[in-house]
């Protein structure tokens, strides 16, 4: 488990979601990724809030994971 110093929280803007199911896809992909503690995608706001272990995972890797399932992601 990550210590508090290595936990980081970011918000990403998401483009390409067409429905609430898209948000579930993003959450599922992120939550299955080592280092992600929590992912919460909000379809109405077109964003995802992610809490992750910065010692295991980088912001760039998270963005790449989201792009890999068909959505555009960028830091807010």
N, C-alpha and C. Protein backbone atom coordinates (compact mmCIF):
# COMPACT_ATOMS: atom_id res chain seq x y z
N UNK A 1 0.84 -1.19 0.00
CA UNK A 1 0.00 0.00 0.00
C UNK A 1 0.88 1.24 0.00
N UNK A 2 0.47 2.25 -0.72
CA UNK A 2 1.23 3.49 -0.83
C UNK A 2 1.16 4.28 0.47
N UNK A 3 2.25 4.98 0.75
CA UNK A 3 2.17 5.89 1.89
C UNK A 3 1.58 7.20 1.43
N UNK A 4 1.16 8.01 2.37
CA UNK A 4 0.46 9.25 2.03
C UNK A 4 1.30 10.19 1.16
N UNK A 5 2.61 10.18 1.34
CA UNK A 5 3.46 11.09 0.58
C UNK A 5 3.48 10.77 -0.90
N UNK A 6 3.27 9.51 -1.27
CA UNK A 6 3.31 9.15 -2.68
C UNK A 6 1.93 9.16 -3.34
N UNK A 7 0.87 9.40 -2.57
CA UNK A 7 -0.46 9.48 -3.16
C UNK A 7 -0.66 10.85 -3.79
N UNK A 8 -1.21 10.85 -4.98
CA UNK A 8 -1.46 12.09 -5.71
C UNK A 8 -2.88 12.03 -6.26
N UNK A 9 -3.51 13.18 -6.35
CA UNK A 9 -4.87 13.27 -6.88
C UNK A 9 -4.87 14.26 -8.03
N UNK A 10 -5.40 13.83 -9.18
CA UNK A 10 -5.47 14.71 -10.35
C UNK A 10 -6.88 14.64 -10.94
N UNK A 11 -7.22 15.67 -11.69
CA UNK A 11 -8.47 15.71 -12.44
C UNK A 11 -8.12 15.85 -13.92
N UNK A 12 -8.68 14.98 -14.73
CA UNK A 12 -8.47 15.02 -16.17
C UNK A 12 -9.77 15.33 -16.88
N UNK A 13 -9.71 16.15 -17.91
CA UNK A 13 -10.85 16.37 -18.79
C UNK A 13 -10.88 15.21 -19.78
N UNK A 14 -12.06 14.71 -20.06
CA UNK A 14 -12.24 13.57 -20.96
C UNK A 14 -13.10 14.00 -22.14
N UNK A 15 -12.65 13.66 -23.33
CA UNK A 15 -13.44 13.90 -24.54
C UNK A 15 -13.74 12.56 -25.20
N UNK A 16 -14.91 12.46 -25.78
CA UNK A 16 -15.28 11.25 -26.51
C UNK A 16 -16.25 10.35 -25.79
N UNK A 17 -16.68 10.71 -24.58
CA UNK A 17 -17.69 9.90 -23.89
C UNK A 17 -19.05 10.18 -24.51
N UNK A 18 -19.80 9.12 -24.76
CA UNK A 18 -21.12 9.27 -25.38
C UNK A 18 -22.26 8.92 -24.43
N UNK A 19 -21.92 8.28 -23.32
CA UNK A 19 -22.96 7.86 -22.38
C UNK A 19 -22.33 7.53 -21.03
N UNK A 20 -23.17 7.24 -20.06
CA UNK A 20 -22.69 6.90 -18.72
C UNK A 20 -21.86 5.61 -18.75
N UNK A 21 -22.18 4.72 -19.65
CA UNK A 21 -21.42 3.48 -19.77
C UNK A 21 -19.96 3.75 -20.11
N UNK A 22 -19.71 4.80 -20.87
CA UNK A 22 -18.33 5.19 -21.18
C UNK A 22 -17.58 5.53 -19.89
N UNK A 23 -18.24 6.22 -18.99
CA UNK A 23 -17.63 6.58 -17.71
C UNK A 23 -17.28 5.32 -16.92
N UNK A 24 -18.16 4.32 -16.95
CA UNK A 24 -17.89 3.06 -16.26
C UNK A 24 -16.67 2.35 -16.88
N UNK A 25 -16.54 2.43 -18.20
CA UNK A 25 -15.38 1.83 -18.87
C UNK A 25 -14.08 2.46 -18.40
N UNK A 26 -14.08 3.77 -18.29
CA UNK A 26 -12.88 4.48 -17.84
C UNK A 26 -12.56 4.10 -16.40
N UNK A 27 -13.56 4.14 -15.54
CA UNK A 27 -13.35 3.76 -14.13
C UNK A 27 -12.81 2.34 -14.02
N UNK A 28 -13.41 1.43 -14.74
CA UNK A 28 -12.99 0.03 -14.67
C UNK A 28 -11.55 -0.16 -15.11
N UNK A 29 -11.18 0.47 -16.21
CA UNK A 29 -9.81 0.37 -16.71
C UNK A 29 -8.82 0.92 -15.70
N UNK A 30 -9.13 2.09 -15.16
CA UNK A 30 -8.20 2.70 -14.20
C UNK A 30 -8.12 1.91 -12.90
N UNK A 31 -9.24 1.46 -12.40
CA UNK A 31 -9.24 0.76 -11.11
C UNK A 31 -8.57 -0.61 -11.19
N UNK A 32 -8.44 -1.16 -12.39
CA UNK A 32 -7.71 -2.42 -12.57
C UNK A 32 -6.21 -2.19 -12.74
N UNK A 33 -5.79 -0.94 -12.79
CA UNK A 33 -4.39 -0.59 -13.01
C UNK A 33 -3.64 -0.50 -11.69
N UNK A 34 -2.50 -1.18 -11.63
CA UNK A 34 -1.68 -1.13 -10.42
C UNK A 34 -1.29 0.31 -10.11
N UNK A 35 -1.47 0.71 -8.88
CA UNK A 35 -1.12 2.06 -8.45
C UNK A 35 -2.30 2.99 -8.32
N UNK A 36 -3.43 2.65 -8.95
CA UNK A 36 -4.63 3.49 -8.84
C UNK A 36 -5.38 3.09 -7.58
N UNK A 37 -5.59 4.07 -6.71
CA UNK A 37 -6.36 3.82 -5.49
C UNK A 37 -7.85 4.02 -5.75
N UNK A 38 -8.18 5.07 -6.50
CA UNK A 38 -9.59 5.38 -6.75
C UNK A 38 -9.70 6.16 -8.06
N UNK A 39 -10.75 5.87 -8.81
CA UNK A 39 -11.06 6.61 -10.03
C UNK A 39 -12.56 6.88 -10.05
N UNK A 40 -12.91 8.12 -10.30
CA UNK A 40 -14.33 8.48 -10.34
C UNK A 40 -14.57 9.38 -11.54
N UNK A 41 -15.23 8.82 -12.55
CA UNK A 41 -15.52 9.55 -13.77
C UNK A 41 -16.91 10.15 -13.69
N UNK A 42 -17.01 11.42 -14.08
CA UNK A 42 -18.29 12.12 -14.08
C UNK A 42 -18.63 12.44 -15.53
N UNK A 43 -19.61 11.72 -16.07
CA UNK A 43 -20.02 11.91 -17.46
C UNK A 43 -20.51 13.33 -17.71
N UNK A 44 -21.33 13.87 -16.82
CA UNK A 44 -21.91 15.21 -17.01
C UNK A 44 -20.85 16.30 -17.05
N UNK A 45 -19.80 16.14 -16.27
CA UNK A 45 -18.72 17.13 -16.24
C UNK A 45 -17.61 16.81 -17.24
N UNK A 46 -17.67 15.64 -17.84
CA UNK A 46 -16.64 15.17 -18.78
C UNK A 46 -15.25 15.20 -18.14
N UNK A 47 -15.16 14.62 -16.93
CA UNK A 47 -13.87 14.58 -16.25
C UNK A 47 -13.78 13.34 -15.36
N UNK A 48 -12.54 13.04 -15.00
CA UNK A 48 -12.28 11.93 -14.09
C UNK A 48 -11.31 12.42 -13.02
N UNK A 49 -11.61 12.06 -11.77
CA UNK A 49 -10.73 12.36 -10.65
C UNK A 49 -10.06 11.05 -10.26
N UNK A 50 -8.73 11.07 -10.21
CA UNK A 50 -7.97 9.85 -9.97
C UNK A 50 -7.03 10.07 -8.79
N UNK A 51 -7.07 9.13 -7.86
CA UNK A 51 -6.10 9.13 -6.76
C UNK A 51 -5.19 7.93 -6.99
N UNK A 52 -3.88 8.20 -7.05
CA UNK A 52 -2.96 7.13 -7.42
C UNK A 52 -1.62 7.28 -6.70
N UNK A 53 -0.85 6.20 -6.72
CA UNK A 53 0.48 6.17 -6.13
C UNK A 53 1.46 6.69 -7.18
N UNK A 54 1.97 7.87 -6.93
CA UNK A 54 2.88 8.53 -7.86
C UNK A 54 4.22 7.79 -7.96
N UNK A 55 4.50 6.91 -7.02
CA UNK A 55 5.72 6.11 -7.08
C UNK A 55 5.60 4.93 -8.03
N UNK A 56 4.37 4.57 -8.40
CA UNK A 56 4.11 3.44 -9.28
C UNK A 56 3.66 3.90 -10.66
N UNK A 57 2.91 4.96 -10.72
CA UNK A 57 2.21 5.37 -11.93
C UNK A 57 2.40 6.87 -12.15
N UNK A 58 2.51 7.28 -13.40
CA UNK A 58 2.66 8.71 -13.73
C UNK A 58 1.38 9.25 -14.37
N UNK A 59 1.26 10.56 -14.37
CA UNK A 59 0.12 11.21 -15.05
C UNK A 59 0.12 10.84 -16.52
N UNK A 60 1.29 10.84 -17.14
CA UNK A 60 1.38 10.53 -18.57
C UNK A 60 0.88 9.11 -18.85
N UNK A 61 1.22 8.16 -17.98
CA UNK A 61 0.77 6.77 -18.16
C UNK A 61 -0.74 6.67 -18.04
N UNK A 62 -1.31 7.40 -17.10
CA UNK A 62 -2.77 7.40 -16.93
C UNK A 62 -3.45 7.93 -18.19
N UNK A 63 -2.94 9.01 -18.72
CA UNK A 63 -3.50 9.60 -19.94
C UNK A 63 -3.40 8.59 -21.09
N UNK A 64 -2.26 7.91 -21.20
CA UNK A 64 -2.07 6.90 -22.24
C UNK A 64 -3.07 5.76 -22.09
N UNK A 65 -3.32 5.32 -20.85
CA UNK A 65 -4.30 4.25 -20.61
C UNK A 65 -5.69 4.67 -21.09
N UNK A 66 -6.08 5.89 -20.79
CA UNK A 66 -7.40 6.38 -21.20
C UNK A 66 -7.48 6.49 -22.72
N UNK A 67 -6.42 6.99 -23.34
CA UNK A 67 -6.39 7.09 -24.80
C UNK A 67 -6.46 5.71 -25.44
N UNK A 68 -5.87 4.72 -24.78
CA UNK A 68 -5.85 3.36 -25.29
C UNK A 68 -7.23 2.71 -25.38
N UNK A 69 -8.19 3.22 -24.61
CA UNK A 69 -9.55 2.67 -24.70
C UNK A 69 -10.48 3.59 -25.49
N UNK A 70 -9.89 4.60 -26.16
CA UNK A 70 -10.67 5.37 -27.13
C UNK A 70 -11.14 6.75 -26.72
N UNK A 71 -10.60 7.31 -25.64
CA UNK A 71 -11.02 8.64 -25.20
C UNK A 71 -9.81 9.57 -25.14
N UNK A 72 -10.06 10.84 -25.34
CA UNK A 72 -8.99 11.84 -25.19
C UNK A 72 -8.99 12.32 -23.75
N UNK A 73 -7.80 12.53 -23.19
CA UNK A 73 -7.67 12.95 -21.81
C UNK A 73 -6.61 14.04 -21.73
N UNK A 74 -6.87 15.04 -20.88
CA UNK A 74 -5.89 16.11 -20.66
C UNK A 74 -6.04 16.66 -19.26
N UNK A 75 -4.95 17.16 -18.72
CA UNK A 75 -4.98 17.77 -17.39
C UNK A 75 -5.84 19.03 -17.43
N UNK A 76 -6.57 19.26 -16.34
CA UNK A 76 -7.41 20.46 -16.27
C UNK A 76 -6.61 21.62 -15.76
